[in-house]
Amino acid sequence: MKDQKQENQKRKEAIALGYQRDQHEAPVVLAKGKGMIAENILEKAKIEQIPVQQDPALLELLGQLHINETIPEELYQAVAEVFAFVYRLDRQKSHS
Protein backbone atom coordinates (compact mmCIF):
# COMPACT_ATOMS: atom_id res chain seq x y z
CA MET A 1 0.00 0.00 0.00
CA LYS A 2 1.31 3.44 -0.93
CA ASP A 3 1.95 6.03 1.72
CA GLN A 4 -0.86 8.66 1.64
CA LYS A 5 1.69 11.49 1.84
CA GLN A 6 3.51 10.09 -1.20
CA GLU A 7 0.22 9.81 -3.08
CA ASN A 8 -0.71 13.44 -2.32
CA GLN A 9 2.69 14.69 -3.52
CA LYS A 10 2.08 13.11 -6.95
CA ARG A 11 -1.49 14.42 -7.18
CA LYS A 12 -1.89 16.77 -10.12
CA GLU A 13 -3.50 20.16 -9.85
CA ALA A 14 -4.90 22.28 -12.66
CA ILE A 15 -6.58 25.65 -13.05
CA ALA A 16 -8.26 26.88 -16.23
CA LEU A 17 -8.37 30.62 -16.84
CA GLY A 18 -10.45 32.54 -19.32
CA TYR A 19 -10.89 36.15 -20.31
CA GLN A 20 -13.70 37.85 -22.15
CA ARG A 21 -13.16 41.59 -22.24
CA ASP A 22 -16.87 42.34 -22.69
CA GLN A 23 -17.85 40.34 -19.58
CA HIS A 24 -15.03 40.77 -17.04
CA GLU A 25 -12.45 43.31 -16.00
CA ALA A 26 -9.81 40.61 -15.61
CA PRO A 27 -9.31 36.92 -16.34
CA VAL A 28 -11.45 34.55 -14.28
CA VAL A 29 -10.99 31.05 -12.91
CA LEU A 30 -13.11 28.80 -15.15
CA ALA A 31 -12.26 25.49 -13.52
CA LYS A 32 -9.88 24.10 -10.94
CA GLY A 33 -9.22 20.81 -9.30
CA LYS A 34 -6.87 18.15 -8.03
CA GLY A 35 -6.42 14.51 -8.90
CA MET A 36 -9.00 13.21 -11.36
CA ILE A 37 -10.58 16.64 -11.78
CA ALA A 38 -7.18 18.06 -12.75
CA GLU A 39 -6.69 15.17 -15.16
CA ASN A 40 -10.08 15.97 -16.75
CA ILE A 41 -9.18 19.67 -17.09
CA LEU A 42 -5.86 18.79 -18.74
CA GLU A 43 -7.51 16.25 -21.04
CA LYS A 44 -10.15 18.80 -22.10
CA ALA A 45 -7.37 21.32 -22.82
CA LYS A 46 -5.58 18.73 -24.94
CA ILE A 47 -8.74 17.88 -26.90
CA GLU A 48 -9.51 21.57 -27.48
CA GLN A 49 -5.83 22.21 -28.32
CA ILE A 50 -5.55 24.76 -25.53
CA PRO A 51 -1.91 25.25 -24.48
CA VAL A 52 -0.98 24.35 -20.93
CA GLN A 53 1.68 26.14 -18.95
CA GLN A 54 3.16 24.67 -15.80
CA ASP A 55 3.96 27.19 -13.08
CA PRO A 56 3.76 25.74 -9.54
CA ALA A 57 4.04 29.14 -7.83
CA LEU A 58 1.22 30.65 -9.90
CA LEU A 59 -0.84 27.49 -9.44
CA GLU A 60 -0.55 27.85 -5.68
CA LEU A 61 -1.70 31.50 -5.79
CA LEU A 62 -4.56 30.89 -8.24
CA GLY A 63 -5.61 27.82 -6.26
CA GLN A 64 -6.78 30.13 -3.49
CA LEU A 65 -9.42 31.66 -5.79
CA HIS A 66 -12.93 30.35 -6.37
CA ILE A 67 -14.45 29.35 -9.70
CA ASN A 68 -15.78 32.43 -11.57
CA GLU A 69 -13.67 34.71 -9.39
CA THR A 70 -11.59 37.31 -11.22
CA ILE A 71 -7.89 37.27 -10.54
CA PRO A 72 -6.61 39.93 -8.13
CA GLU A 73 -4.68 42.89 -9.50
CA GLU A 74 -1.41 41.68 -7.94
CA LEU A 75 -1.52 38.63 -10.26
CA TYR A 76 -2.18 40.60 -13.47
CA GLN A 77 1.49 40.54 -14.57
CA ALA A 78 1.93 36.81 -13.98
CA VAL A 79 -1.33 35.93 -15.72
CA ALA A 80 -0.53 38.31 -18.59
CA GLU A 81 2.66 36.29 -19.13
CA VAL A 82 0.59 33.10 -19.31
CA PHE A 83 -1.76 34.63 -21.88
CA ALA A 84 1.25 35.90 -23.87
CA PHE A 85 2.66 32.36 -23.84
CA VAL A 86 -0.66 30.99 -25.14
CA TYR A 87 -0.83 33.72 -27.80
CA ARG A 88 2.70 32.94 -29.02
CA LEU A 89 1.92 29.22 -29.27
CA ASP A 90 -1.30 29.98 -31.15
CA ARG A 91 0.60 32.15 -33.65
CA GLN A 92 3.23 29.45 -34.14
CA LYS A 93 0.51 26.88 -34.87
CA SER A 94 -1.24 29.11 -37.38
CA HIS A 95 2.03 29.76 -39.26
CA SER A 96 3.00 26.06 -39.41
PDB file of N, CA and C in Angstrom:
ATOM      1  N   MET A   1       0.845  -1.194   0.000  1.00  0.00           N
ATOM      2  CA  MET A   1       0.000   0.000   0.000  1.00  0.00           C
ATOM      3  C   MET A   1       0.882   1.246   0.000  1.00  0.00           C
ATOM      4  N   LYS A   2       0.533   2.204  -0.840  1.00  0.00           N
ATOM      5  CA  LYS A   2       1.310   3.441  -0.927  1.00  0.00           C
ATOM      6  C   LYS A   2       1.033   4.338   0.263  1.00  0.00           C
ATOM      7  N   ASP A   3       2.064   5.040   0.645  1.00  0.00           N
ATOM      8  CA  ASP A   3       1.950   6.029   1.716  1.00  0.00           C
ATOM      9  C   ASP A   3       1.062   7.173   1.222  1.00  0.00           C
ATOM     10  N   GLN A   4       0.078   7.592   2.024  1.00  0.00           N
ATOM     11  CA  GLN A   4      -0.860   8.659   1.635  1.00  0.00           C
ATOM     12  C   GLN A   4      -0.125   9.959   1.316  1.00  0.00           C
ATOM     13  N   LYS A   5       0.930  10.265   2.082  1.00  0.00           N
ATOM     14  CA  LYS A   5       1.689  11.486   1.844  1.00  0.00           C
ATOM     15  C   LYS A   5       2.348  11.436   0.468  1.00  0.00           C
ATOM     16  N   GLN A   6       2.901  10.270   0.102  1.00  0.00           N
ATOM     17  CA  GLN A   6       3.511  10.091  -1.204  1.00  0.00           C
ATOM     18  C   GLN A   6       2.474  10.283  -2.308  1.00  0.00           C
ATOM     19  N   GLU A   7       1.293   9.720  -2.110  1.00  0.00           N
ATOM     20  CA  GLU A   7       0.219   9.814  -3.084  1.00  0.00           C
ATOM     21  C   GLU A   7      -0.196  11.264  -3.300  1.00  0.00           C
ATOM     22  N   ASN A   8      -0.313  12.035  -2.220  1.00  0.00           N
ATOM     23  CA  ASN A   8      -0.710  13.437  -2.320  1.00  0.00           C
ATOM     24  C   ASN A   8       0.340  14.273  -3.040  1.00  0.00           C
ATOM     25  N   GLN A   9       1.632  13.928  -2.868  1.00  0.00           N
ATOM     26  CA  GLN A   9       2.692  14.689  -3.524  1.00  0.00           C
ATOM     27  C   GLN A   9       2.616  14.525  -5.036  1.00  0.00           C
ATOM     28  N   LYS A  10       2.159  13.376  -5.516  1.00  0.00           N
ATOM     29  CA  LYS A  10       2.077  13.113  -6.945  1.00  0.00           C
ATOM     30  C   LYS A  10       0.781  13.643  -7.543  1.00  0.00           C
ATOM     31  N   ARG A  11      -0.167  14.007  -6.728  1.00  0.00           N
ATOM     32  CA  ARG A  11      -1.488  14.419  -7.183  1.00  0.00           C
ATOM     33  C   ARG A  11      -1.406  15.691  -8.015  1.00  0.00           C
ATOM     34  N   LYS A  12      -1.922  15.615  -9.228  1.00  0.00           N
ATOM     35  CA  LYS A  12      -1.889  16.773 -10.123  1.00  0.00           C
ATOM     36  C   LYS A  12      -2.900  17.824  -9.699  1.00  0.00           C
ATOM     37  N   GLU A  13      -2.581  19.041 -10.043  1.00  0.00           N
ATOM     38  CA  GLU A  13      -3.497  20.160  -9.855  1.00  0.00           C
ATOM     39  C   GLU A  13      -3.577  20.917 -11.169  1.00  0.00           C
ATOM     40  N   ALA A  14      -4.733  21.492 -11.443  1.00  0.00           N
ATOM     41  CA  ALA A  14      -4.898  22.280 -12.663  1.00  0.00           C
ATOM     42  C   ALA A  14      -5.908  23.392 -12.432  1.00  0.00           C
ATOM     43  N   ILE A  15      -5.662  24.509 -13.099  1.00  0.00           N
ATOM     44  CA  ILE A  15      -6.579  25.647 -13.053  1.00  0.00           C
ATOM     45  C   ILE A  15      -6.733  26.159 -14.480  1.00  0.00           C
ATOM     46  N   ALA A  16      -7.966  26.343 -14.894  1.00  0.00           N
ATOM     47  CA  ALA A  16      -8.256  26.878 -16.228  1.00  0.00           C
ATOM     48  C   ALA A  16      -8.683  28.326 -16.077  1.00  0.00           C
ATOM     49  N   LEU A  17      -8.039  29.192 -16.851  1.00  0.00           N
ATOM     50  CA  LEU A  17      -8.370  30.616 -16.841  1.00  0.00           C
ATOM     51  C   LEU A  17      -9.025  30.995 -18.158  1.00  0.00           C
ATOM     52  N   GLY A  18      -9.845  32.009 -18.106  1.00  0.00           N
ATOM     53  CA  GLY A  18     -10.454  32.535 -19.319  1.00  0.00           C
ATOM     54  C   GLY A  18     -10.618  34.036 -19.191  1.00  0.00           C
ATOM     55  N   TYR A  19     -10.714  34.699 -20.335  1.00  0.00           N
ATOM     56  CA  TYR A  19     -10.894  36.149 -20.306  1.00  0.00           C
ATOM     57  C   TYR A  19     -11.762  36.580 -21.474  1.00  0.00           C
ATOM     58  N   GLN A  20     -12.837  37.250 -21.141  1.00  0.00           N
ATOM     59  CA  GLN A  20     -13.702  37.852 -22.151  1.00  0.00           C
ATOM     60  C   GLN A  20     -13.868  39.315 -21.760  1.00  0.00           C
ATOM     61  N   ARG A  21     -13.225  40.155 -22.538  1.00  0.00           N
ATOM     62  CA  ARG A  21     -13.158  41.592 -22.241  1.00  0.00           C
ATOM     63  C   ARG A  21     -14.537  42.212 -22.026  1.00  0.00           C
ATOM     64  N   ASP A  22     -15.537  41.748 -22.786  1.00  0.00           N
ATOM     65  CA  ASP A  22     -16.872  42.342 -22.686  1.00  0.00           C
ATOM     66  C   ASP A  22     -17.644  41.880 -21.446  1.00  0.00           C
ATOM     67  N   GLN A  23     -17.131  40.867 -20.752  1.00  0.00           N
ATOM     68  CA  GLN A  23     -17.850  40.344 -19.581  1.00  0.00           C
ATOM     69  C   GLN A  23     -17.130  40.581 -18.255  1.00  0.00           C
ATOM     70  N   HIS A  24     -15.794  40.660 -18.286  1.00  0.00           N
ATOM     71  CA  HIS A  24     -15.031  40.766 -17.036  1.00  0.00           C
ATOM     72  C   HIS A  24     -13.917  41.791 -17.169  1.00  0.00           C
ATOM     73  N   GLU A  25     -13.568  42.371 -16.032  1.00  0.00           N
ATOM     74  CA  GLU A  25     -12.446  43.310 -15.996  1.00  0.00           C
ATOM     75  C   GLU A  25     -11.114  42.599 -16.136  1.00  0.00           C
ATOM     76  N   ALA A  26     -11.053  41.370 -15.642  1.00  0.00           N
ATOM     77  CA  ALA A  26      -9.808  40.609 -15.606  1.00  0.00           C
ATOM     78  C   ALA A  26     -10.117  39.142 -15.892  1.00  0.00           C
ATOM     79  N   PRO A  27      -9.075  38.353 -16.157  1.00  0.00           N
ATOM     80  CA  PRO A  27      -9.313  36.920 -16.342  1.00  0.00           C
ATOM     81  C   PRO A  27      -9.991  36.307 -15.113  1.00  0.00           C
ATOM     82  N   VAL A  28     -10.747  35.236 -15.362  1.00  0.00           N
ATOM     83  CA  VAL A  28     -11.453  34.545 -14.283  1.00  0.00           C
ATOM     84  C   VAL A  28     -11.040  33.083 -14.243  1.00  0.00           C
ATOM     85  N   VAL A  29     -11.228  32.473 -13.085  1.00  0.00           N
ATOM     86  CA  VAL A  29     -10.990  31.048 -12.914  1.00  0.00           C
ATOM     87  C   VAL A  29     -12.214  30.323 -13.469  1.00  0.00           C
ATOM     88  N   LEU A  30     -12.016  29.544 -14.535  1.00  0.00           N
ATOM     89  CA  LEU A  30     -13.113  28.805 -15.153  1.00  0.00           C
ATOM     90  C   LEU A  30     -13.309  27.438 -14.516  1.00  0.00           C
ATOM     91  N   ALA A  31     -12.197  26.815 -14.137  1.00  0.00           N
ATOM     92  CA  ALA A  31     -12.256  25.487 -13.524  1.00  0.00           C
ATOM     93  C   ALA A  31     -10.981  25.281 -12.725  1.00  0.00           C
ATOM     94  N   LYS A  32     -11.073  24.444 -11.707  1.00  0.00           N
ATOM     95  CA  LYS A  32      -9.876  24.099 -10.942  1.00  0.00           C
ATOM     96  C   LYS A  32     -10.128  22.782 -10.241  1.00  0.00           C
ATOM     97  N   GLY A  33      -9.063  22.075  -9.987  1.00  0.00           N
ATOM     98  CA  GLY A  33      -9.222  20.814  -9.297  1.00  0.00           C
ATOM     99  C   GLY A  33      -7.912  20.092  -9.090  1.00  0.00           C
ATOM    100  N   LYS A  34      -8.011  19.009  -8.333  1.00  0.00           N
ATOM    101  CA  LYS A  34      -6.869  18.153  -8.029  1.00  0.00           C
ATOM    102  C   LYS A  34      -7.220  16.732  -8.423  1.00  0.00           C
ATOM    103  N   GLY A  35      -6.199  15.925  -8.611  1.00  0.00           N
ATOM    104  CA  GLY A  35      -6.416  14.513  -8.904  1.00  0.00           C
ATOM    105  C   GLY A  35      -7.149  14.300 -10.218  1.00  0.00           C
ATOM    106  N   MET A  36      -8.236  13.534 -10.155  1.00  0.00           N
ATOM    107  CA  MET A  36      -8.999  13.210 -11.360  1.00  0.00           C
ATOM    108  C   MET A  36      -9.611  14.446 -12.012  1.00  0.00           C
ATOM    109  N   ILE A  37     -10.021  15.409 -11.216  1.00  0.00           N
ATOM    110  CA  ILE A  37     -10.583  16.641 -11.784  1.00  0.00           C
ATOM    111  C   ILE A  37      -9.501  17.373 -12.578  1.00  0.00           C
ATOM    112  N   ALA A  38      -8.289  17.429 -12.033  1.00  0.00           N
ATOM    113  CA  ALA A  38      -7.176  18.056 -12.750  1.00  0.00           C
ATOM    114  C   ALA A  38      -6.890  17.298 -14.043  1.00  0.00           C
ATOM    115  N   GLU A  39      -6.906  15.984 -13.968  1.00  0.00           N
ATOM    116  CA  GLU A  39      -6.691  15.168 -15.164  1.00  0.00           C
ATOM    117  C   GLU A  39      -7.743  15.487 -16.225  1.00  0.00           C
ATOM    118  N   ASN A  40      -8.990  15.645 -15.808  1.00  0.00           N
ATOM    119  CA  ASN A  40     -10.075  15.973 -16.746  1.00  0.00           C
ATOM    120  C   ASN A  40      -9.869  17.352 -17.377  1.00  0.00           C
ATOM    121  N   ILE A  41      -9.442  18.321 -16.578  1.00  0.00           N
ATOM    122  CA  ILE A  41      -9.178  19.671 -17.087  1.00  0.00           C
ATOM    123  C   ILE A  41      -8.063  19.618 -18.126  1.00  0.00           C
ATOM    124  N   LEU A  42      -6.989  18.895 -17.817  1.00  0.00           N
ATOM    125  CA  LEU A  42      -5.860  18.789 -18.738  1.00  0.00           C
ATOM    126  C   LEU A  42      -6.242  18.035 -20.008  1.00  0.00           C
ATOM    127  N   GLU A  43      -7.058  16.999 -19.872  1.00  0.00           N
ATOM    128  CA  GLU A  43      -7.512  16.247 -21.044  1.00  0.00           C
ATOM    129  C   GLU A  43      -8.390  17.115 -21.948  1.00  0.00           C
ATOM    130  N   LYS A  44      -9.283  17.886 -21.335  1.00  0.00           N
ATOM    131  CA  LYS A  44     -10.149  18.795 -22.099  1.00  0.00           C
ATOM    132  C   LYS A  44      -9.297  19.830 -22.843  1.00  0.00           C
ATOM    133  N   ALA A  45      -8.273  20.356 -22.170  1.00  0.00           N
ATOM    134  CA  ALA A  45      -7.373  21.321 -22.816  1.00  0.00           C
ATOM    135  C   ALA A  45      -6.676  20.677 -24.012  1.00  0.00           C
ATOM    136  N   LYS A  46      -6.252  19.437 -23.845  1.00  0.00           N
ATOM    137  CA  LYS A  46      -5.582  18.733 -24.937  1.00  0.00           C
ATOM    138  C   LYS A  46      -6.531  18.541 -26.116  1.00  0.00           C
ATOM    139  N   ILE A  47      -7.747  18.094 -25.842  1.00  0.00           N
ATOM    140  CA  ILE A  47      -8.745  17.882 -26.896  1.00  0.00           C
ATOM    141  C   ILE A  47      -9.041  19.176 -27.633  1.00  0.00           C
ATOM    142  N   GLU A  48      -9.180  20.261 -26.880  1.00  0.00           N
ATOM    143  CA  GLU A  48      -9.506  21.566 -27.476  1.00  0.00           C
ATOM    144  C   GLU A  48      -8.276  22.295 -28.005  1.00  0.00           C
ATOM    145  N   GLN A  49      -7.113  21.643 -27.888  1.00  0.00           N
ATOM    146  CA  GLN A  49      -5.834  22.214 -28.316  1.00  0.00           C
ATOM    147  C   GLN A  49      -5.536  23.544 -27.628  1.00  0.00           C
ATOM    148  N   ILE A  50      -5.832  23.577 -26.347  1.00  0.00           N
ATOM    149  CA  ILE A  50      -5.546  24.757 -25.529  1.00  0.00           C
ATOM    150  C   ILE A  50      -4.193  24.528 -24.869  1.00  0.00           C
ATOM    151  N   PRO A  51      -3.239  25.430 -25.083  1.00  0.00           N
ATOM    152  CA  PRO A  51      -1.912  25.254 -24.482  1.00  0.00           C
ATOM    153  C   PRO A  51      -1.985  25.229 -22.959  1.00  0.00           C
ATOM    154  N   VAL A  52      -1.070  24.473 -22.377  1.00  0.00           N
ATOM    155  CA  VAL A  52      -0.981  24.345 -20.925  1.00  0.00           C
ATOM    156  C   VAL A  52       0.393  24.835 -20.499  1.00  0.00           C
ATOM    157  N   GLN A  53       0.411  25.672 -19.494  1.00  0.00           N
ATOM    158  CA  GLN A  53       1.680  26.143 -18.949  1.00  0.00           C
ATOM    159  C   GLN A  53       1.779  25.653 -17.517  1.00  0.00           C
ATOM    160  N   GLN A  54       2.944  25.147 -17.156  1.00  0.00           N
ATOM    161  CA  GLN A  54       3.159  24.673 -15.799  1.00  0.00           C
ATOM    162  C   GLN A  54       3.929  25.723 -15.012  1.00  0.00           C
ATOM    163  N   ASP A  55       3.327  26.204 -13.942  1.00  0.00           N
ATOM    164  CA  ASP A  55       3.958  27.191 -13.078  1.00  0.00           C
ATOM    165  C   ASP A  55       3.466  26.927 -11.661  1.00  0.00           C
ATOM    166  N   PRO A  56       4.213  26.122 -10.889  1.00  0.00           N
ATOM    167  CA  PRO A  56       3.758  25.738  -9.543  1.00  0.00           C
ATOM    168  C   PRO A  56       3.459  26.924  -8.620  1.00  0.00           C
ATOM    169  N   ALA A  57       4.258  27.980  -8.707  1.00  0.00           N
ATOM    170  CA  ALA A  57       4.037  29.138  -7.831  1.00  0.00           C
ATOM    171  C   ALA A  57       2.721  29.829  -8.176  1.00  0.00           C
ATOM    172  N   LEU A  58       2.461  30.013  -9.472  1.00  0.00           N
ATOM    173  CA  LEU A  58       1.219  30.653  -9.901  1.00  0.00           C
ATOM    174  C   LEU A  58       0.030  29.750  -9.585  1.00  0.00           C
ATOM    175  N   LEU A  59       0.208  28.449  -9.765  1.00  0.00           N
ATOM    176  CA  LEU A  59      -0.842  27.489  -9.444  1.00  0.00           C
ATOM    177  C   LEU A  59      -1.248  27.604  -7.977  1.00  0.00           C
ATOM    178  N   GLU A  60      -0.265  27.731  -7.108  1.00  0.00           N
ATOM    179  CA  GLU A  60      -0.554  27.854  -5.680  1.00  0.00           C
ATOM    180  C   GLU A  60      -1.358  29.123  -5.381  1.00  0.00           C
ATOM    181  N   LEU A  61      -0.992  30.236  -6.010  1.00  0.00           N
ATOM    182  CA  LEU A  61      -1.703  31.496  -5.786  1.00  0.00           C
ATOM    183  C   LEU A  61      -3.118  31.456  -6.368  1.00  0.00           C
ATOM    184  N   LEU A  62      -3.238  30.957  -7.600  1.00  0.00           N
ATOM    185  CA  LEU A  62      -4.556  30.893  -8.236  1.00  0.00           C
ATOM    186  C   LEU A  62      -5.454  29.860  -7.562  1.00  0.00           C
ATOM    187  N   GLY A  63      -4.844  28.861  -6.953  1.00  0.00           N
ATOM    188  CA  GLY A  63      -5.606  27.818  -6.263  1.00  0.00           C
ATOM    189  C   GLY A  63      -6.410  28.348  -5.084  1.00  0.00           C
ATOM    190  N   GLN A  64      -6.062  29.519  -4.610  1.00  0.00           N
ATOM    191  CA  GLN A  64      -6.781  30.131  -3.489  1.00  0.00           C
ATOM    192  C   GLN A  64      -8.068  30.826  -3.941  1.00  0.00           C
ATOM    193  N   LEU A  65      -8.227  30.985  -5.250  1.00  0.00           N
ATOM    194  CA  LEU A  65      -9.416  31.656  -5.786  1.00  0.00           C
ATOM    195  C   LEU A  65     -10.543  30.656  -6.011  1.00  0.00           C
ATOM    196  N   HIS A  66     -11.753  31.177  -6.105  1.00  0.00           N
ATOM    197  CA  HIS A  66     -12.931  30.352  -6.367  1.00  0.00           C
ATOM    198  C   HIS A  66     -13.255  30.381  -7.857  1.00  0.00           C
ATOM    199  N   ILE A  67     -14.000  29.378  -8.311  1.00  0.00           N
ATOM    200  CA  ILE A  67     -14.450  29.350  -9.703  1.00  0.00           C
ATOM    201  C   ILE A  67     -15.311  30.586  -9.964  1.00  0.00           C
ATOM    202  N   ASN A  68     -15.126  31.190 -11.120  1.00  0.00           N
ATOM    203  CA  ASN A  68     -15.783  32.429 -11.570  1.00  0.00           C
ATOM    204  C   ASN A  68     -15.269  33.680 -10.865  1.00  0.00           C
ATOM    205  N   GLU A  69     -14.260  33.547 -10.044  1.00  0.00           N
ATOM    206  CA  GLU A  69     -13.666  34.710  -9.387  1.00  0.00           C
ATOM    207  C   GLU A  69     -12.610  35.319 -10.301  1.00  0.00           C
ATOM    208  N   THR A  70     -12.621  36.650 -10.417  1.00  0.00           N
ATOM    209  CA  THR A  70     -11.587  37.308 -11.221  1.00  0.00           C
ATOM    210  C   THR A  70     -10.272  37.290 -10.458  1.00  0.00           C
ATOM    211  N   ILE A  71      -9.186  37.294 -11.201  1.00  0.00           N
ATOM    212  CA  ILE A  71      -7.885  37.269 -10.541  1.00  0.00           C
ATOM    213  C   ILE A  71      -7.626  38.629  -9.902  1.00  0.00           C
ATOM    214  N   PRO A  72      -6.913  38.653  -8.776  1.00  0.00           N
ATOM    215  CA  PRO A  72      -6.613  39.930  -8.129  1.00  0.00           C
ATOM    216  C   PRO A  72      -5.554  40.706  -8.916  1.00  0.00           C
ATOM    217  N   GLU A  73      -5.575  42.003  -8.755  1.00  0.00           N
ATOM    218  CA  GLU A  73      -4.680  42.887  -9.496  1.00  0.00           C
ATOM    219  C   GLU A  73      -3.208  42.508  -9.332  1.00  0.00           C
ATOM    220  N   GLU A  74      -2.825  42.021  -8.164  1.00  0.00           N
ATOM    221  CA  GLU A  74      -1.415  41.685  -7.944  1.00  0.00           C
ATOM    222  C   GLU A  74      -0.954  40.485  -8.787  1.00  0.00           C
ATOM    223  N   LEU A  75      -1.882  39.757  -9.390  1.00  0.00           N
ATOM    224  CA  LEU A  75      -1.518  38.634 -10.259  1.00  0.00           C
ATOM    225  C   LEU A  75      -1.632  38.972 -11.748  1.00  0.00           C
ATOM    226  N   TYR A  76      -2.010  40.204 -12.072  1.00  0.00           N
ATOM    227  CA  TYR A  76      -2.181  40.597 -13.471  1.00  0.00           C
ATOM    228  C   TYR A  76      -0.926  40.309 -14.296  1.00  0.00           C
ATOM    229  N   GLN A  77       0.243  40.707 -13.807  1.00  0.00           N
ATOM    230  CA  GLN A  77       1.485  40.544 -14.566  1.00  0.00           C
ATOM    231  C   GLN A  77       1.758  39.061 -14.836  1.00  0.00           C
ATOM    232  N   ALA A  78       1.650  38.237 -13.812  1.00  0.00           N
ATOM    233  CA  ALA A  78       1.929  36.806 -13.975  1.00  0.00           C
ATOM    234  C   ALA A  78       0.949  36.165 -14.946  1.00  0.00           C
ATOM    235  N   VAL A  79      -0.322  36.506 -14.836  1.00  0.00           N
ATOM    236  CA  VAL A  79      -1.330  35.934 -15.722  1.00  0.00           C
ATOM    237  C   VAL A  79      -1.175  36.487 -17.141  1.00  0.00           C
ATOM    238  N   ALA A  80      -0.773  37.738 -17.268  1.00  0.00           N
ATOM    239  CA  ALA A  80      -0.525  38.309 -18.595  1.00  0.00           C
ATOM    240  C   ALA A  80       0.586  37.534 -19.301  1.00  0.00           C
ATOM    241  N   GLU A  81       1.584  37.091 -18.551  1.00  0.00           N
ATOM    242  CA  GLU A  81       2.662  36.294 -19.133  1.00  0.00           C
ATOM    243  C   GLU A  81       2.134  34.946 -19.618  1.00  0.00           C
ATOM    244  N   VAL A  82       1.202  34.361 -18.886  1.00  0.00           N
ATOM    245  CA  VAL A  82       0.588  33.098 -19.306  1.00  0.00           C
ATOM    246  C   VAL A  82      -0.187  33.308 -20.605  1.00  0.00           C
ATOM    247  N   PHE A  83      -0.993  34.355 -20.666  1.00  0.00           N
ATOM    248  CA  PHE A  83      -1.765  34.626 -21.878  1.00  0.00           C
ATOM    249  C   PHE A  83      -0.838  34.949 -23.056  1.00  0.00           C
ATOM    250  N   ALA A  84       0.276  35.624 -22.810  1.00  0.00           N
ATOM    251  CA  ALA A  84       1.246  35.904 -23.874  1.00  0.00           C
ATOM    252  C   ALA A  84       1.850  34.594 -24.381  1.00  0.00           C
ATOM    253  N   PHE A  85       2.145  33.676 -23.472  1.00  0.00           N
ATOM    254  CA  PHE A  85       2.656  32.356 -23.836  1.00  0.00           C
ATOM    255  C   PHE A  85       1.662  31.632 -24.741  1.00  0.00           C
ATOM    256  N   VAL A  86       0.395  31.645 -24.357  1.00  0.00           N
ATOM    257  CA  VAL A  86      -0.661  30.989 -25.141  1.00  0.00           C
ATOM    258  C   VAL A  86      -0.781  31.657 -26.511  1.00  0.00           C
ATOM    259  N   TYR A  87      -0.731  32.973 -26.541  1.00  0.00           N
ATOM    260  CA  TYR A  87      -0.834  33.719 -27.797  1.00  0.00           C
ATOM    261  C   TYR A  87       0.313  33.352 -28.745  1.00  0.00           C
ATOM    262  N   ARG A  88       1.546  33.294 -28.203  1.00  0.00           N
ATOM    263  CA  ARG A  88       2.705  32.938 -29.024  1.00  0.00           C
ATOM    264  C   ARG A  88       2.558  31.532 -29.599  1.00  0.00           C
ATOM    265  N   LEU A  89       2.108  30.585 -28.781  1.00  0.00           N
ATOM    266  CA  LEU A  89       1.917  29.220 -29.266  1.00  0.00           C
ATOM    267  C   LEU A  89       0.846  29.176 -30.349  1.00  0.00           C
ATOM    268  N   ASP A  90      -0.220  29.924 -30.153  1.00  0.00           N
ATOM    269  CA  ASP A  90      -1.297  29.982 -31.152  1.00  0.00           C
ATOM    270  C   ASP A  90      -0.766  30.512 -32.488  1.00  0.00           C
ATOM    271  N   ARG A  91       0.038  31.548 -32.422  1.00  0.00           N
ATOM    272  CA  ARG A  91       0.602  32.153 -33.645  1.00  0.00           C
ATOM    273  C   ARG A  91       1.537  31.175 -34.344  1.00  0.00           C
ATOM    274  N   GLN A  92       2.324  30.435 -33.552  1.00  0.00           N
ATOM    275  CA  GLN A  92       3.231  29.453 -34.136  1.00  0.00           C
ATOM    276  C   GLN A  92       2.460  28.361 -34.867  1.00  0.00           C
ATOM    277  N   LYS A  93       1.355  27.915 -34.258  1.00  0.00           N
ATOM    278  CA  LYS A  93       0.512  26.878 -34.871  1.00  0.00           C
ATOM    279  C   LYS A  93      -0.088  27.361 -36.180  1.00  0.00           C
ATOM    280  N   SER A  94      -0.559  28.598 -36.189  1.00  0.00           N
ATOM    281  CA  SER A  94      -1.239  29.110 -37.376  1.00  0.00           C
ATOM    282  C   SER A  94      -0.254  29.379 -38.520  1.00  0.00           C
ATOM    283  N   HIS A  95       1.027  29.529 -38.209  1.00  0.00           N
ATOM    284  CA  HIS A  95       2.031  29.757 -39.256  1.00  0.00           C
ATOM    285  C   HIS A  95       2.726  28.467 -39.667  1.00  0.00           C
ATOM    286  N   SER A  96       2.358  27.351 -39.083  1.00  0.00           N
ATOM    287  CA  SER A  96       2.998  26.060 -39.414  1.00  0.00           C
ATOM    288  C   SER A  96       2.384  25.428 -40.622  1.00  0.00           C
TER     289      SER A  96
END
